[in-house]
């Protein structure tokens, strides 16, 4: 079941007019651990005036999932509501592009990413298993425009939320 969970998700980290989305791929570290790596790239960089970059790692070992996100080039002091997106029916999620700006306002909003990336499924907050999207526990960029996020959760606990 845990591989199905990762198969339907694309990573989206967003805040205001800044969004970064990544595609994941798997690397077999050893027989009991698999690491998925996502390289983050901005969508709305012109609006925010920042070229955000970063990397997300999803390390699976037994029932344990460790989520690590490191970013740089963010607007300083801004909270970043990052989430895993995907489709409940298992459809392959992908990264939205500038063409997703359906209302032509120059900003690709989270709602406009849904056709490509799916819906918000797992918040990358202090408690991902809670599935609470609205929370004040998302990472905040430092004065240098950097944040590091790391949480470890039970894959079984996440899986229960998808049943």
C-alpha atoms as a PDB file:
ATOM      1  CA  UNK A   1       0.000   0.000   0.000  1.00  0.00           C
ATOM      2  CA  UNK A   2       2.821   2.454   0.770  1.00  0.00           C
ATOM      3  CA  UNK A   3       4.058   2.482  -2.830  1.00  0.00           C
ATOM      4  CA  UNK A   4       0.517   3.316  -3.998  1.00  0.00           C
ATOM      5  CA  UNK A   5       0.566   6.294  -1.634  1.00  0.00           C
ATOM      6  CA  UNK A   6       3.706   7.668  -3.300  1.00  0.00           C
ATOM      7  CA  UNK A   7       2.563   6.764  -6.790  1.00  0.00           C
ATOM      8  CA  UNK A   8      -0.363   9.184  -6.663  1.00  0.00           C
ATOM      9  CA  UNK A   9       1.416  12.146  -5.138  1.00  0.00           C
ATOM     10  CA  UNK A  10       3.324  15.107  -6.512  1.00  0.00           C
ATOM     11  CA  UNK A  11       4.908  17.567  -4.127  1.00  0.00           C
ATOM     12  CA  UNK A  12       3.669  21.143  -4.015  1.00  0.00           C
ATOM     13  CA  UNK A  13       5.047  23.751  -1.682  1.00  0.00           C
ATOM     14  CA  UNK A  14       3.265  27.071  -1.923  1.00  0.00           C
ATOM     15  CA  UNK A  15       2.806  30.393  -0.178  1.00  0.00           C
ATOM     16  CA  UNK A  16       0.926  33.408  -1.547  1.00  0.00           C
ATOM     17  CA  UNK A  17       2.183  33.910  -5.088  1.00  0.00           C
ATOM     18  CA  UNK A  18       5.150  31.577  -4.780  1.00  0.00           C
ATOM     19  CA  UNK A  19       4.812  27.918  -5.658  1.00  0.00           C
ATOM     20  CA  UNK A  20       7.294  25.148  -6.203  1.00  0.00           C
ATOM     21  CA  UNK A  21       6.424  21.720  -7.535  1.00  0.00           C
ATOM     22  CA  UNK A  22       8.568  18.677  -8.048  1.00  0.00           C
ATOM     23  CA  UNK A  23       8.484  15.258  -9.602  1.00  0.00           C
ATOM     24  CA  UNK A  24       9.768  12.353  -7.565  1.00  0.00           C
ATOM     25  CA  UNK A  25      11.872   9.375  -8.536  1.00  0.00           C
ATOM     26  CA  UNK A  26      13.007   6.427  -6.447  1.00  0.00           C
ATOM     27  CA  UNK A  27      16.539   5.365  -5.625  1.00  0.00           C
ATOM     28  CA  UNK A  28      17.189   2.087  -3.856  1.00  0.00           C
ATOM     29  CA  UNK A  29      19.595   2.891  -1.013  1.00  0.00           C
ATOM     30  CA  UNK A  30      19.634  -0.652   0.348  1.00  0.00           C
ATOM     31  CA  UNK A  31      17.205  -3.544   0.500  1.00  0.00           C
ATOM     32  CA  UNK A  32      15.084  -2.072   3.289  1.00  0.00           C
ATOM     33  CA  UNK A  33      15.200   1.648   2.510  1.00  0.00           C
ATOM     34  CA  UNK A  34      13.941   3.588  -0.503  1.00  0.00           C
ATOM     35  CA  UNK A  35      14.492   7.317  -0.989  1.00  0.00           C
ATOM     36  CA  UNK A  36      12.310   9.469  -3.237  1.00  0.00           C
ATOM     37  CA  UNK A  37      13.921  12.770  -4.245  1.00  0.00           C
ATOM     38  CA  UNK A  38      12.073  15.795  -5.594  1.00  0.00           C
ATOM     39  CA  UNK A  39      13.898  18.812  -7.014  1.00  0.00           C
ATOM     40  CA  UNK A  40      11.857  21.955  -6.399  1.00  0.00           C
ATOM     41  CA  UNK A  41      11.423  24.665  -9.027  1.00  0.00           C
ATOM     42  CA  UNK A  42       9.328  27.862  -8.865  1.00  0.00           C
ATOM     43  CA  UNK A  43       6.161  28.430 -10.835  1.00  0.00           C
ATOM     44  CA  UNK A  44       5.341  32.055  -9.942  1.00  0.00           C
ATOM     45  CA  UNK A  45       8.895  33.403  -9.570  1.00  0.00           C
ATOM     46  CA  UNK A  46       8.133  36.629 -11.473  1.00  0.00           C
ATOM     47  CA  UNK A  47       5.373  37.540  -9.019  1.00  0.00           C
ATOM     48  CA  UNK A  48       7.418  36.880  -5.880  1.00  0.00           C
ATOM     49  CA  UNK A  49      10.676  38.207  -7.275  1.00  0.00           C
ATOM     50  CA  UNK A  50      12.555  35.150  -6.021  1.00  0.00           C
ATOM     51  CA  UNK A  51      14.013  32.081  -7.726  1.00  0.00           C
ATOM     52  CA  UNK A  52      13.134  29.464  -5.140  1.00  0.00           C
ATOM     53  CA  UNK A  53      14.965  26.155  -5.365  1.00  0.00           C
ATOM     54  CA  UNK A  54      15.240  23.182  -3.095  1.00  0.00           C
ATOM     55  CA  UNK A  55      15.000  19.483  -2.586  1.00  0.00           C
ATOM     56  CA  UNK A  56      12.513  17.219  -0.853  1.00  0.00           C
ATOM     57  CA  UNK A  57      13.444  13.718   0.294  1.00  0.00           C
ATOM     58  CA  UNK A  58      11.032  11.000   1.296  1.00  0.00           C
ATOM     59  CA  UNK A  59      12.873   8.162   3.031  1.00  0.00           C
ATOM     60  CA  UNK A  60      10.873   4.964   3.484  1.00  0.00           C
ATOM     61  CA  UNK A  61      12.200   2.369   5.893  1.00  0.00           C
ATOM     62  CA  UNK A  62       9.732  -0.251   7.066  1.00  0.00           C
ATOM     63  CA  UNK A  63       6.675   1.596   8.380  1.00  0.00           C
ATOM     64  CA  UNK A  64       8.599   4.846   8.799  1.00  0.00           C
ATOM     65  CA  UNK A  65       8.458   7.771   6.392  1.00  0.00           C
ATOM     66  CA  UNK A  66      10.849  10.653   6.964  1.00  0.00           C
ATOM     67  CA  UNK A  67      10.010  13.795   5.017  1.00  0.00           C
ATOM     68  CA  UNK A  68      12.799  16.360   4.614  1.00  0.00           C
ATOM     69  CA  UNK A  69      12.534  19.598   2.644  1.00  0.00           C
ATOM     70  CA  UNK A  70      15.338  22.123   2.213  1.00  0.00           C
ATOM     71  CA  UNK A  71      14.735  25.314   0.261  1.00  0.00           C
ATOM     72  CA  UNK A  72      16.511  28.559  -0.521  1.00  0.00           C
ATOM     73  CA  UNK A  73      15.753  31.756  -2.397  1.00  0.00           C
ATOM     74  CA  UNK A  74      12.413  32.272  -0.631  1.00  0.00           C
ATOM     75  CA  UNK A  75      10.847  35.575   0.378  1.00  0.00           C
ATOM     76  CA  UNK A  76      12.318  36.139   3.869  1.00  0.00           C
ATOM     77  CA  UNK A  77      10.035  35.591   6.852  1.00  0.00           C
ATOM     78  CA  UNK A  78       7.197  34.094   4.826  1.00  0.00           C
ATOM     79  CA  UNK A  79       5.310  30.990   5.960  1.00  0.00           C
ATOM     80  CA  UNK A  80       5.218  28.295   3.266  1.00  0.00           C
ATOM     81  CA  UNK A  81       2.152  26.067   3.129  1.00  0.00           C
ATOM     82  CA  UNK A  82       3.608  22.955   1.550  1.00  0.00           C
ATOM     83  CA  UNK A  83       1.533  19.895   0.679  1.00  0.00           C
ATOM     84  CA  UNK A  84       1.554  16.613  -1.174  1.00  0.00           C
ATOM     85  CA  UNK A  85      -0.954  16.672  -4.006  1.00  0.00           C
ATOM     86  CA  UNK A  86      -2.421  13.794  -5.973  1.00  0.00           C
ATOM     87  CA  UNK A  87      -5.505  12.038  -7.280  1.00  0.00           C
ATOM     88  CA  UNK A  88      -7.697   9.747  -5.176  1.00  0.00           C
ATOM     89  CA  UNK A  89      -8.304   7.499  -8.202  1.00  0.00           C
ATOM     90  CA  UNK A  90      -4.577   6.802  -8.654  1.00  0.00           C
ATOM     91  CA  UNK A  91      -4.202   8.960 -11.790  1.00  0.00           C
ATOM     92  CA  UNK A  92      -0.581  10.038 -12.333  1.00  0.00           C
ATOM     93  CA  UNK A  93       0.018  13.541 -10.995  1.00  0.00           C
ATOM     94  CA  UNK A  94       2.367  15.930 -12.760  1.00  0.00           C
ATOM     95  CA  UNK A  95       3.696  19.448 -12.308  1.00  0.00           C
ATOM     96  CA  UNK A  96       1.517  22.324 -13.434  1.00  0.00           C
ATOM     97  CA  UNK A  97       3.097  24.879 -15.767  1.00  0.00           C
ATOM     98  CA  UNK A  98       2.388  28.528 -16.505  1.00  0.00           C
ATOM     99  CA  UNK A  99      -0.241  27.342 -18.992  1.00  0.00           C
ATOM    100  CA  UNK A 100      -2.391  26.337 -15.990  1.00  0.00           C
ATOM    101  CA  UNK A 101      -3.217  30.025 -15.357  1.00  0.00           C
ATOM    102  CA  UNK A 102      -6.844  29.581 -16.432  1.00  0.00           C
ATOM    103  CA  UNK A 103      -8.064  33.030 -15.365  1.00  0.00           C
ATOM    104  CA  UNK A 104      -5.067  34.736 -17.054  1.00  0.00           C
ATOM    105  CA  UNK A 105      -4.202  36.839 -13.985  1.00  0.00           C
ATOM    106  CA  UNK A 106      -0.490  35.998 -14.238  1.00  0.00           C
ATOM    107  CA  UNK A 107      -0.508  33.730 -11.164  1.00  0.00           C
ATOM    108  CA  UNK A 108      -0.887  29.945 -11.139  1.00  0.00           C
ATOM    109  CA  UNK A 109      -3.101  29.466  -8.066  1.00  0.00           C
ATOM    110  CA  UNK A 110      -3.341  26.197  -6.130  1.00  0.00           C
ATOM    111  CA  UNK A 111      -6.822  25.607  -7.590  1.00  0.00           C
ATOM    112  CA  UNK A 112      -5.403  26.005 -11.110  1.00  0.00           C
ATOM    113  CA  UNK A 113      -2.808  23.278 -10.452  1.00  0.00           C
ATOM    114  CA  UNK A 114      -5.521  20.665  -9.729  1.00  0.00           C
ATOM    115  CA  UNK A 115      -5.978  19.340 -13.295  1.00  0.00           C
ATOM    116  CA  UNK A 116      -2.268  18.401 -13.443  1.00  0.00           C
ATOM    117  CA  UNK A 117      -1.275  17.934  -9.805  1.00  0.00           C
ATOM    118  CA  UNK A 118      -4.495  16.840  -8.154  1.00  0.00           C
ATOM    119  CA  UNK A 119      -5.902  17.954  -4.837  1.00  0.00           C
ATOM    120  CA  UNK A 120      -4.148  18.789  -1.594  1.00  0.00           C
ATOM    121  CA  UNK A 121      -3.762  15.461   0.206  1.00  0.00           C
ATOM    122  CA  UNK A 122      -1.072  15.610   2.899  1.00  0.00           C
ATOM    123  CA  UNK A 123       0.034  18.825   4.606  1.00  0.00           C
ATOM    124  CA  UNK A 124       3.761  19.035   5.278  1.00  0.00           C
ATOM    125  CA  UNK A 125       3.230  20.713   8.624  1.00  0.00           C
ATOM    126  CA  UNK A 126       4.215  19.667  12.153  1.00  0.00           C
ATOM    127  CA  UNK A 127       1.624  16.842  11.967  1.00  0.00           C
ATOM    128  CA  UNK A 128       1.200  15.475   8.414  1.00  0.00           C
ATOM    129  CA  UNK A 129      -0.941  12.532   9.572  1.00  0.00           C
ATOM    130  CA  UNK A 130      -3.580  14.930  10.933  1.00  0.00           C
ATOM    131  CA  UNK A 131      -4.428  15.911   7.335  1.00  0.00           C
ATOM    132  CA  UNK A 132      -5.247  19.401   8.660  1.00  0.00           C
ATOM    133  CA  UNK A 133      -4.457  21.803   5.843  1.00  0.00           C
ATOM    134  CA  UNK A 134      -5.287  24.875   7.906  1.00  0.00           C
ATOM    135  CA  UNK A 135      -2.682  25.037  10.674  1.00  0.00           C
ATOM    136  CA  UNK A 136      -0.050  27.436  11.937  1.00  0.00           C
ATOM    137  CA  UNK A 137       2.728  24.824  11.961  1.00  0.00           C
ATOM    138  CA  UNK A 138       4.112  25.164   8.430  1.00  0.00           C
ATOM    139  CA  UNK A 139       7.771  26.154   7.983  1.00  0.00           C
ATOM    140  CA  UNK A 140       8.735  29.811   7.881  1.00  0.00           C
ATOM    141  CA  UNK A 141      11.620  31.152   5.803  1.00  0.00           C
ATOM    142  CA  UNK A 142      14.501  32.680   7.716  1.00  0.00           C
ATOM    143  CA  UNK A 143      15.758  36.228   7.151  1.00  0.00           C
ATOM    144  CA  UNK A 144      18.089  34.653   4.562  1.00  0.00           C
ATOM    145  CA  UNK A 145      15.146  33.077   2.683  1.00  0.00           C
ATOM    146  CA  UNK A 146      15.871  29.479   3.758  1.00  0.00           C
ATOM    147  CA  UNK A 147      13.891  26.824   5.581  1.00  0.00           C
ATOM    148  CA  UNK A 148      14.454  23.230   6.566  1.00  0.00           C
ATOM    149  CA  UNK A 149      11.567  20.906   7.345  1.00  0.00           C
ATOM    150  CA  UNK A 150      11.797  17.389   8.730  1.00  0.00           C
ATOM    151  CA  UNK A 151       9.078  15.113  10.115  1.00  0.00           C
ATOM    152  CA  UNK A 152       8.868  11.358  10.592  1.00  0.00           C
ATOM    153  CA  UNK A 153       5.497   9.599  10.409  1.00  0.00           C
ATOM    154  CA  UNK A 154       4.014   6.112  10.272  1.00  0.00           C
ATOM    155  CA  UNK A 155       3.116   4.996   6.757  1.00  0.00           C
ATOM    156  CA  UNK A 156       0.307   2.849   8.182  1.00  0.00           C
ATOM    157  CA  UNK A 157      -1.158   5.935   9.883  1.00  0.00           C
ATOM    158  CA  UNK A 158      -1.056   7.830   6.560  1.00  0.00           C
ATOM    159  CA  UNK A 159      -2.522   4.870   4.694  1.00  0.00           C
ATOM    160  CA  UNK A 160      -5.531   4.783   7.040  1.00  0.00           C
ATOM    161  CA  UNK A 161      -6.374   8.330   5.967  1.00  0.00           C
ATOM    162  CA  UNK A 162      -6.617   7.193   2.325  1.00  0.00           C
ATOM    163  CA  UNK A 163      -9.029   4.299   2.899  1.00  0.00           C
END
